[in-house]
Amino acid sequence: MQVGGAVDKVSILVIEDEVLILHIVEEALLDAGFGVVTATSSLKAIQLLDDQQIPFRAIVTDVNLGRGGSGWDVARRAREINPDIGVIYVSGHGAEEWASHGLPKSIMVTKPFANAQLITALSSLLNEHPQSG
């Protein structure tokens, strides 16, 4: 796990099993002013969510995370903890399954994507569902 950014920033959990893509996404989000925590597996991501030490506003997850679970699993657990959390799914394939998983407040971004697409999708989700409190 890596944590980037200050505590007072909007915290985003990024889950990606391809390290190069993970670093590209992390850097793009940091440059956009977000706080970022990363995980390379669904198991680690779910552990971070369960710990609830960081109030994540959104998650950005690859759909296919290899062994141990999928991005769908991470999103379901995130919504059990916080029904209002935004979810950005990233996938080179599997986009056709997105609607069937019935997760509101989510957007599918298809690989390959430009960093601006990801930032726009995330900003859109956060603006549609501002943090209450």
N, C-alpha and C. Protein backbone atom coordinates (compact mmCIF):
# COMPACT_ATOMS: atom_id res chain seq x y z
N MET A 1 0.85 -1.18 0.00
CA MET A 1 0.00 0.00 0.00
C MET A 1 0.89 1.23 0.00
N GLN A 2 0.47 2.20 -0.76
CA GLN A 2 1.14 3.49 -0.73
C GLN A 2 0.08 4.55 -0.49
N VAL A 3 0.46 5.55 0.27
CA VAL A 3 -0.44 6.66 0.52
C VAL A 3 0.24 7.92 0.00
N GLY A 4 -0.48 8.65 -0.85
CA GLY A 4 0.05 9.90 -1.36
C GLY A 4 -0.92 11.02 -1.08
N GLY A 5 -0.42 12.19 -0.86
CA GLY A 5 -1.28 13.35 -0.65
C GLY A 5 -1.55 13.60 0.82
N ALA A 6 -2.07 14.74 1.10
CA ALA A 6 -2.35 15.15 2.47
C ALA A 6 -3.67 14.57 2.95
N VAL A 7 -3.82 14.51 4.26
CA VAL A 7 -5.00 13.94 4.87
C VAL A 7 -6.25 14.74 4.53
N ASP A 8 -6.13 16.06 4.32
CA ASP A 8 -7.30 16.89 4.08
C ASP A 8 -7.79 16.82 2.63
N LYS A 9 -7.15 16.08 1.78
CA LYS A 9 -7.58 15.94 0.39
C LYS A 9 -8.64 14.85 0.29
N VAL A 10 -9.40 14.89 -0.80
CA VAL A 10 -10.37 13.83 -1.08
C VAL A 10 -9.58 12.55 -1.33
N SER A 11 -9.87 11.50 -0.57
CA SER A 11 -9.11 10.25 -0.67
C SER A 11 -9.75 9.28 -1.63
N ILE A 12 -8.92 8.75 -2.53
CA ILE A 12 -9.35 7.80 -3.54
C ILE A 12 -8.55 6.52 -3.36
N LEU A 13 -9.22 5.37 -3.37
CA LEU A 13 -8.56 4.08 -3.34
C LEU A 13 -8.45 3.57 -4.78
N VAL A 14 -7.23 3.27 -5.21
CA VAL A 14 -6.99 2.78 -6.57
C VAL A 14 -6.54 1.33 -6.49
N ILE A 15 -7.24 0.44 -7.21
CA ILE A 15 -6.91 -0.97 -7.22
C ILE A 15 -6.60 -1.39 -8.65
N GLU A 16 -5.37 -1.83 -8.85
CA GLU A 16 -4.91 -2.24 -10.19
C GLU A 16 -3.78 -3.24 -10.01
N ASP A 17 -3.88 -4.40 -10.66
CA ASP A 17 -2.85 -5.42 -10.51
C ASP A 17 -1.67 -5.24 -11.46
N GLU A 18 -1.80 -4.38 -12.45
CA GLU A 18 -0.68 -4.07 -13.34
C GLU A 18 0.01 -2.83 -12.78
N VAL A 19 1.22 -3.03 -12.26
CA VAL A 19 1.92 -1.99 -11.52
C VAL A 19 2.16 -0.74 -12.35
N LEU A 20 2.50 -0.89 -13.62
CA LEU A 20 2.74 0.28 -14.47
C LEU A 20 1.48 1.14 -14.58
N ILE A 21 0.35 0.50 -14.83
CA ILE A 21 -0.93 1.24 -14.92
C ILE A 21 -1.27 1.86 -13.57
N LEU A 22 -1.03 1.13 -12.49
CA LEU A 22 -1.29 1.64 -11.14
C LEU A 22 -0.53 2.94 -10.91
N HIS A 23 0.74 2.97 -11.28
CA HIS A 23 1.55 4.18 -11.06
C HIS A 23 1.09 5.34 -11.94
N ILE A 24 0.68 5.04 -13.15
CA ILE A 24 0.19 6.09 -14.05
C ILE A 24 -1.09 6.71 -13.49
N VAL A 25 -2.01 5.86 -13.03
CA VAL A 25 -3.27 6.36 -12.45
C VAL A 25 -2.99 7.12 -11.17
N GLU A 26 -2.13 6.59 -10.32
CA GLU A 26 -1.80 7.26 -9.06
C GLU A 26 -1.23 8.66 -9.33
N GLU A 27 -0.29 8.74 -10.25
CA GLU A 27 0.33 10.04 -10.55
C GLU A 27 -0.70 11.03 -11.12
N ALA A 28 -1.58 10.55 -11.99
CA ALA A 28 -2.61 11.42 -12.56
C ALA A 28 -3.54 11.97 -11.48
N LEU A 29 -3.92 11.12 -10.54
CA LEU A 29 -4.82 11.57 -9.46
C LEU A 29 -4.11 12.51 -8.50
N LEU A 30 -2.86 12.22 -8.19
CA LEU A 30 -2.09 13.12 -7.34
C LEU A 30 -1.94 14.49 -8.00
N ASP A 31 -1.63 14.49 -9.29
CA ASP A 31 -1.49 15.75 -10.04
C ASP A 31 -2.80 16.53 -10.06
N ALA A 32 -3.93 15.82 -10.00
CA ALA A 32 -5.24 16.47 -10.00
C ALA A 32 -5.66 16.93 -8.60
N GLY A 33 -4.83 16.65 -7.61
CA GLY A 33 -5.10 17.16 -6.27
C GLY A 33 -5.78 16.20 -5.32
N PHE A 34 -5.89 14.93 -5.70
CA PHE A 34 -6.51 13.94 -4.83
C PHE A 34 -5.49 13.30 -3.92
N GLY A 35 -5.95 12.81 -2.77
CA GLY A 35 -5.15 11.92 -1.94
C GLY A 35 -5.36 10.52 -2.48
N VAL A 36 -4.30 9.72 -2.55
CA VAL A 36 -4.39 8.41 -3.19
C VAL A 36 -3.82 7.32 -2.30
N VAL A 37 -4.55 6.22 -2.21
CA VAL A 37 -4.07 5.00 -1.57
C VAL A 37 -4.18 3.92 -2.63
N THR A 38 -3.14 3.08 -2.76
CA THR A 38 -3.14 2.07 -3.80
C THR A 38 -3.13 0.66 -3.23
N ALA A 39 -3.67 -0.27 -4.03
CA ALA A 39 -3.63 -1.69 -3.72
C ALA A 39 -3.49 -2.44 -5.03
N THR A 40 -2.78 -3.57 -5.00
CA THR A 40 -2.58 -4.36 -6.21
C THR A 40 -3.44 -5.62 -6.25
N SER A 41 -4.31 -5.79 -5.27
CA SER A 41 -5.21 -6.96 -5.25
C SER A 41 -6.53 -6.60 -4.60
N SER A 42 -7.54 -7.39 -4.92
CA SER A 42 -8.84 -7.16 -4.29
C SER A 42 -8.78 -7.44 -2.80
N LEU A 43 -8.00 -8.42 -2.40
CA LEU A 43 -7.90 -8.76 -0.98
C LEU A 43 -7.32 -7.59 -0.18
N LYS A 44 -6.26 -6.97 -0.70
CA LYS A 44 -5.66 -5.82 -0.01
C LYS A 44 -6.63 -4.64 0.00
N ALA A 45 -7.32 -4.43 -1.11
CA ALA A 45 -8.28 -3.32 -1.19
C ALA A 45 -9.40 -3.50 -0.17
N ILE A 46 -9.92 -4.70 -0.07
CA ILE A 46 -11.00 -4.97 0.88
C ILE A 46 -10.50 -4.80 2.31
N GLN A 47 -9.26 -5.20 2.56
CA GLN A 47 -8.68 -4.99 3.89
C GLN A 47 -8.60 -3.50 4.22
N LEU A 48 -8.17 -2.70 3.26
CA LEU A 48 -8.10 -1.24 3.47
C LEU A 48 -9.49 -0.67 3.73
N LEU A 49 -10.48 -1.14 2.99
CA LEU A 49 -11.85 -0.67 3.19
C LEU A 49 -12.36 -1.07 4.57
N ASP A 50 -12.11 -2.33 4.95
CA ASP A 50 -12.57 -2.83 6.24
C ASP A 50 -11.92 -2.10 7.42
N ASP A 51 -10.66 -1.70 7.25
CA ASP A 51 -9.96 -0.99 8.32
C ASP A 51 -10.60 0.36 8.62
N GLN A 52 -11.20 0.97 7.61
CA GLN A 52 -11.90 2.26 7.72
C GLN A 52 -11.06 3.35 8.37
N GLN A 53 -9.75 3.28 8.19
CA GLN A 53 -8.88 4.33 8.73
C GLN A 53 -8.86 5.56 7.85
N ILE A 54 -9.22 5.38 6.57
CA ILE A 54 -9.24 6.49 5.62
C ILE A 54 -10.65 6.59 5.06
N PRO A 55 -11.27 7.76 5.12
CA PRO A 55 -12.64 7.92 4.58
C PRO A 55 -12.59 8.11 3.06
N PHE A 56 -12.56 6.99 2.33
CA PHE A 56 -12.50 7.07 0.87
C PHE A 56 -13.79 7.65 0.32
N ARG A 57 -13.66 8.60 -0.61
CA ARG A 57 -14.82 9.17 -1.30
C ARG A 57 -15.16 8.38 -2.54
N ALA A 58 -14.14 7.70 -3.11
CA ALA A 58 -14.36 6.92 -4.32
C ALA A 58 -13.28 5.86 -4.45
N ILE A 59 -13.58 4.87 -5.29
CA ILE A 59 -12.57 3.89 -5.65
C ILE A 59 -12.44 3.86 -7.18
N VAL A 60 -11.24 3.61 -7.63
CA VAL A 60 -10.96 3.38 -9.04
C VAL A 60 -10.40 1.97 -9.09
N THR A 61 -11.12 1.06 -9.75
CA THR A 61 -10.69 -0.33 -9.73
C THR A 61 -10.70 -0.97 -11.10
N ASP A 62 -9.66 -1.71 -11.37
CA ASP A 62 -9.65 -2.58 -12.53
C ASP A 62 -10.71 -3.65 -12.27
N VAL A 63 -11.38 -4.11 -13.30
CA VAL A 63 -12.39 -5.15 -13.13
C VAL A 63 -11.72 -6.50 -12.91
N ASN A 64 -10.74 -6.81 -13.73
CA ASN A 64 -10.06 -8.11 -13.67
C ASN A 64 -8.77 -7.96 -12.88
N LEU A 65 -8.80 -8.46 -11.65
CA LEU A 65 -7.66 -8.28 -10.75
C LEU A 65 -6.87 -9.57 -10.52
N GLY A 66 -7.06 -10.57 -11.36
CA GLY A 66 -6.33 -11.81 -11.17
C GLY A 66 -6.96 -12.65 -10.08
N ARG A 67 -6.14 -13.45 -9.43
CA ARG A 67 -6.64 -14.36 -8.40
C ARG A 67 -7.07 -13.62 -7.14
N GLY A 68 -8.09 -14.14 -6.48
CA GLY A 68 -8.49 -13.59 -5.19
C GLY A 68 -9.70 -12.68 -5.22
N GLY A 69 -10.22 -12.35 -6.37
CA GLY A 69 -11.40 -11.50 -6.44
C GLY A 69 -11.29 -10.49 -7.56
N SER A 70 -12.41 -9.84 -7.82
CA SER A 70 -12.49 -8.88 -8.93
C SER A 70 -12.81 -7.48 -8.42
N GLY A 71 -12.76 -6.55 -9.35
CA GLY A 71 -13.18 -5.19 -9.02
C GLY A 71 -14.64 -5.13 -8.61
N TRP A 72 -15.46 -6.03 -9.19
CA TRP A 72 -16.88 -6.09 -8.78
C TRP A 72 -16.96 -6.41 -7.29
N ASP A 73 -16.12 -7.36 -6.81
CA ASP A 73 -16.12 -7.75 -5.40
C ASP A 73 -15.72 -6.58 -4.50
N VAL A 74 -14.69 -5.85 -4.93
CA VAL A 74 -14.23 -4.70 -4.15
C VAL A 74 -15.34 -3.65 -4.05
N ALA A 75 -15.99 -3.38 -5.17
CA ALA A 75 -17.05 -2.37 -5.18
C ALA A 75 -18.22 -2.78 -4.29
N ARG A 76 -18.59 -4.05 -4.34
CA ARG A 76 -19.69 -4.51 -3.48
C ARG A 76 -19.34 -4.30 -2.01
N ARG A 77 -18.11 -4.65 -1.62
CA ARG A 77 -17.70 -4.46 -0.22
C ARG A 77 -17.66 -2.97 0.14
N ALA A 78 -17.15 -2.17 -0.77
CA ALA A 78 -17.11 -0.72 -0.52
C ALA A 78 -18.51 -0.17 -0.28
N ARG A 79 -19.48 -0.64 -1.05
CA ARG A 79 -20.86 -0.16 -0.90
C ARG A 79 -21.52 -0.69 0.36
N GLU A 80 -21.10 -1.85 0.85
CA GLU A 80 -21.62 -2.34 2.14
C GLU A 80 -21.17 -1.41 3.26
N ILE A 81 -19.96 -0.89 3.14
CA ILE A 81 -19.40 0.00 4.16
C ILE A 81 -19.95 1.42 3.99
N ASN A 82 -19.97 1.90 2.76
CA ASN A 82 -20.42 3.26 2.46
C ASN A 82 -21.26 3.24 1.18
N PRO A 83 -22.59 3.23 1.31
CA PRO A 83 -23.45 3.16 0.13
C PRO A 83 -23.28 4.33 -0.85
N ASP A 84 -22.68 5.43 -0.40
CA ASP A 84 -22.54 6.61 -1.24
C ASP A 84 -21.20 6.70 -1.97
N ILE A 85 -20.31 5.73 -1.78
CA ILE A 85 -18.99 5.81 -2.40
C ILE A 85 -19.11 5.70 -3.92
N GLY A 86 -18.38 6.54 -4.62
CA GLY A 86 -18.36 6.49 -6.07
C GLY A 86 -17.39 5.42 -6.55
N VAL A 87 -17.70 4.80 -7.69
CA VAL A 87 -16.86 3.74 -8.21
C VAL A 87 -16.56 4.00 -9.69
N ILE A 88 -15.29 4.02 -10.03
CA ILE A 88 -14.86 4.05 -11.42
C ILE A 88 -14.29 2.67 -11.72
N TYR A 89 -14.91 1.97 -12.67
CA TYR A 89 -14.40 0.68 -13.12
C TYR A 89 -13.53 0.93 -14.34
N VAL A 90 -12.38 0.27 -14.39
CA VAL A 90 -11.47 0.40 -15.52
C VAL A 90 -11.24 -1.00 -16.06
N SER A 91 -11.43 -1.17 -17.38
CA SER A 91 -11.22 -2.49 -17.94
C SER A 91 -10.97 -2.43 -19.43
N GLY A 92 -10.15 -3.35 -19.90
CA GLY A 92 -9.94 -3.52 -21.33
C GLY A 92 -11.02 -4.40 -21.93
N HIS A 93 -11.67 -5.15 -21.08
CA HIS A 93 -12.81 -5.99 -21.48
C HIS A 93 -13.69 -6.18 -20.26
N GLY A 94 -14.91 -6.56 -20.47
CA GLY A 94 -15.85 -6.72 -19.36
C GLY A 94 -16.80 -5.54 -19.23
N ALA A 95 -16.64 -4.53 -20.08
CA ALA A 95 -17.53 -3.36 -20.00
C ALA A 95 -18.98 -3.76 -20.23
N GLU A 96 -19.19 -4.79 -21.03
CA GLU A 96 -20.56 -5.22 -21.29
C GLU A 96 -21.24 -5.78 -20.05
N GLU A 97 -20.46 -6.18 -19.04
CA GLU A 97 -21.02 -6.71 -17.80
C GLU A 97 -21.40 -5.62 -16.81
N TRP A 98 -20.93 -4.41 -17.05
CA TRP A 98 -21.07 -3.33 -16.08
C TRP A 98 -22.51 -3.13 -15.62
N ALA A 99 -23.45 -2.97 -16.55
CA ALA A 99 -24.84 -2.72 -16.19
C ALA A 99 -25.45 -3.88 -15.41
N SER A 100 -25.03 -5.10 -15.71
CA SER A 100 -25.62 -6.27 -15.05
C SER A 100 -25.26 -6.35 -13.57
N HIS A 101 -24.21 -5.65 -13.15
CA HIS A 101 -23.83 -5.69 -11.75
C HIS A 101 -24.62 -4.68 -10.91
N GLY A 102 -25.38 -3.83 -11.55
CA GLY A 102 -26.33 -2.97 -10.86
C GLY A 102 -25.76 -2.08 -9.78
N LEU A 103 -24.59 -1.52 -10.01
CA LEU A 103 -24.00 -0.64 -9.01
C LEU A 103 -24.20 0.81 -9.42
N PRO A 104 -25.06 1.53 -8.68
CA PRO A 104 -25.27 2.95 -8.99
C PRO A 104 -24.03 3.76 -8.64
N LYS A 105 -24.05 5.03 -9.01
CA LYS A 105 -22.95 5.94 -8.72
C LYS A 105 -21.63 5.37 -9.22
N SER A 106 -21.68 4.83 -10.45
CA SER A 106 -20.46 4.26 -11.00
C SER A 106 -20.34 4.60 -12.49
N ILE A 107 -19.11 4.55 -12.96
CA ILE A 107 -18.81 4.84 -14.35
C ILE A 107 -17.80 3.81 -14.83
N MET A 108 -17.95 3.34 -16.06
CA MET A 108 -16.99 2.43 -16.67
C MET A 108 -16.08 3.23 -17.60
N VAL A 109 -14.78 3.08 -17.43
CA VAL A 109 -13.78 3.70 -18.30
C VAL A 109 -13.03 2.55 -18.97
N THR A 110 -13.04 2.54 -20.30
CA THR A 110 -12.44 1.44 -21.04
C THR A 110 -10.97 1.73 -21.34
N LYS A 111 -10.13 0.71 -21.11
CA LYS A 111 -8.71 0.81 -21.46
C LYS A 111 -8.57 0.63 -22.97
N PRO A 112 -7.65 1.30 -23.59
CA PRO A 112 -6.78 2.34 -23.03
C PRO A 112 -7.56 3.64 -22.88
N PHE A 113 -7.18 4.44 -21.93
CA PHE A 113 -7.86 5.71 -21.68
C PHE A 113 -6.83 6.80 -21.47
N ALA A 114 -7.26 8.02 -21.67
CA ALA A 114 -6.42 9.18 -21.37
C ALA A 114 -6.63 9.54 -19.91
N ASN A 115 -5.59 10.04 -19.26
CA ASN A 115 -5.73 10.44 -17.85
C ASN A 115 -6.88 11.43 -17.66
N ALA A 116 -7.06 12.32 -18.63
CA ALA A 116 -8.14 13.31 -18.54
C ALA A 116 -9.51 12.65 -18.48
N GLN A 117 -9.68 11.52 -19.18
CA GLN A 117 -10.96 10.79 -19.12
C GLN A 117 -11.24 10.31 -17.70
N LEU A 118 -10.22 9.77 -17.07
CA LEU A 118 -10.36 9.25 -15.71
C LEU A 118 -10.67 10.37 -14.73
N ILE A 119 -9.94 11.47 -14.83
CA ILE A 119 -10.15 12.61 -13.92
C ILE A 119 -11.55 13.19 -14.13
N THR A 120 -11.98 13.30 -15.38
CA THR A 120 -13.32 13.82 -15.67
C THR A 120 -14.40 12.91 -15.10
N ALA A 121 -14.24 11.60 -15.27
CA ALA A 121 -15.23 10.65 -14.74
C ALA A 121 -15.29 10.73 -13.22
N LEU A 122 -14.13 10.78 -12.58
CA LEU A 122 -14.08 10.85 -11.12
C LEU A 122 -14.68 12.16 -10.61
N SER A 123 -14.32 13.26 -11.24
CA SER A 123 -14.87 14.56 -10.83
C SER A 123 -16.38 14.58 -11.00
N SER A 124 -16.86 14.01 -12.08
CA SER A 124 -18.30 13.94 -12.33
C SER A 124 -19.01 13.17 -11.22
N LEU A 125 -18.48 12.02 -10.85
CA LEU A 125 -19.08 11.22 -9.77
C LEU A 125 -19.08 11.98 -8.45
N LEU A 126 -17.97 12.60 -8.12
CA LEU A 126 -17.86 13.32 -6.85
C LEU A 126 -18.78 14.54 -6.82
N ASN A 127 -18.94 15.20 -7.95
CA ASN A 127 -19.82 16.37 -8.01
C ASN A 127 -21.29 15.99 -7.97
N GLU A 128 -21.64 14.83 -8.53
CA GLU A 128 -23.03 14.35 -8.49
C GLU A 128 -23.44 13.94 -7.09
N HIS A 129 -22.49 13.47 -6.31
CA HIS A 129 -22.76 12.94 -4.98
C HIS A 129 -21.81 13.56 -3.98
N PRO A 130 -22.02 14.85 -3.67
CA PRO A 130 -21.11 15.52 -2.74
C PRO A 130 -21.16 14.86 -1.36
N GLN A 131 -20.05 14.98 -0.67
CA GLN A 131 -19.95 14.41 0.67
C GLN A 131 -20.92 15.11 1.60
N SER A 132 -21.69 14.31 2.34
CA SER A 132 -22.62 14.92 3.28
C SER A 132 -21.91 15.06 4.63
N GLY A 133 -22.41 16.00 5.41
CA GLY A 133 -21.85 16.14 6.74
C GLY A 133 -21.35 17.43 7.02
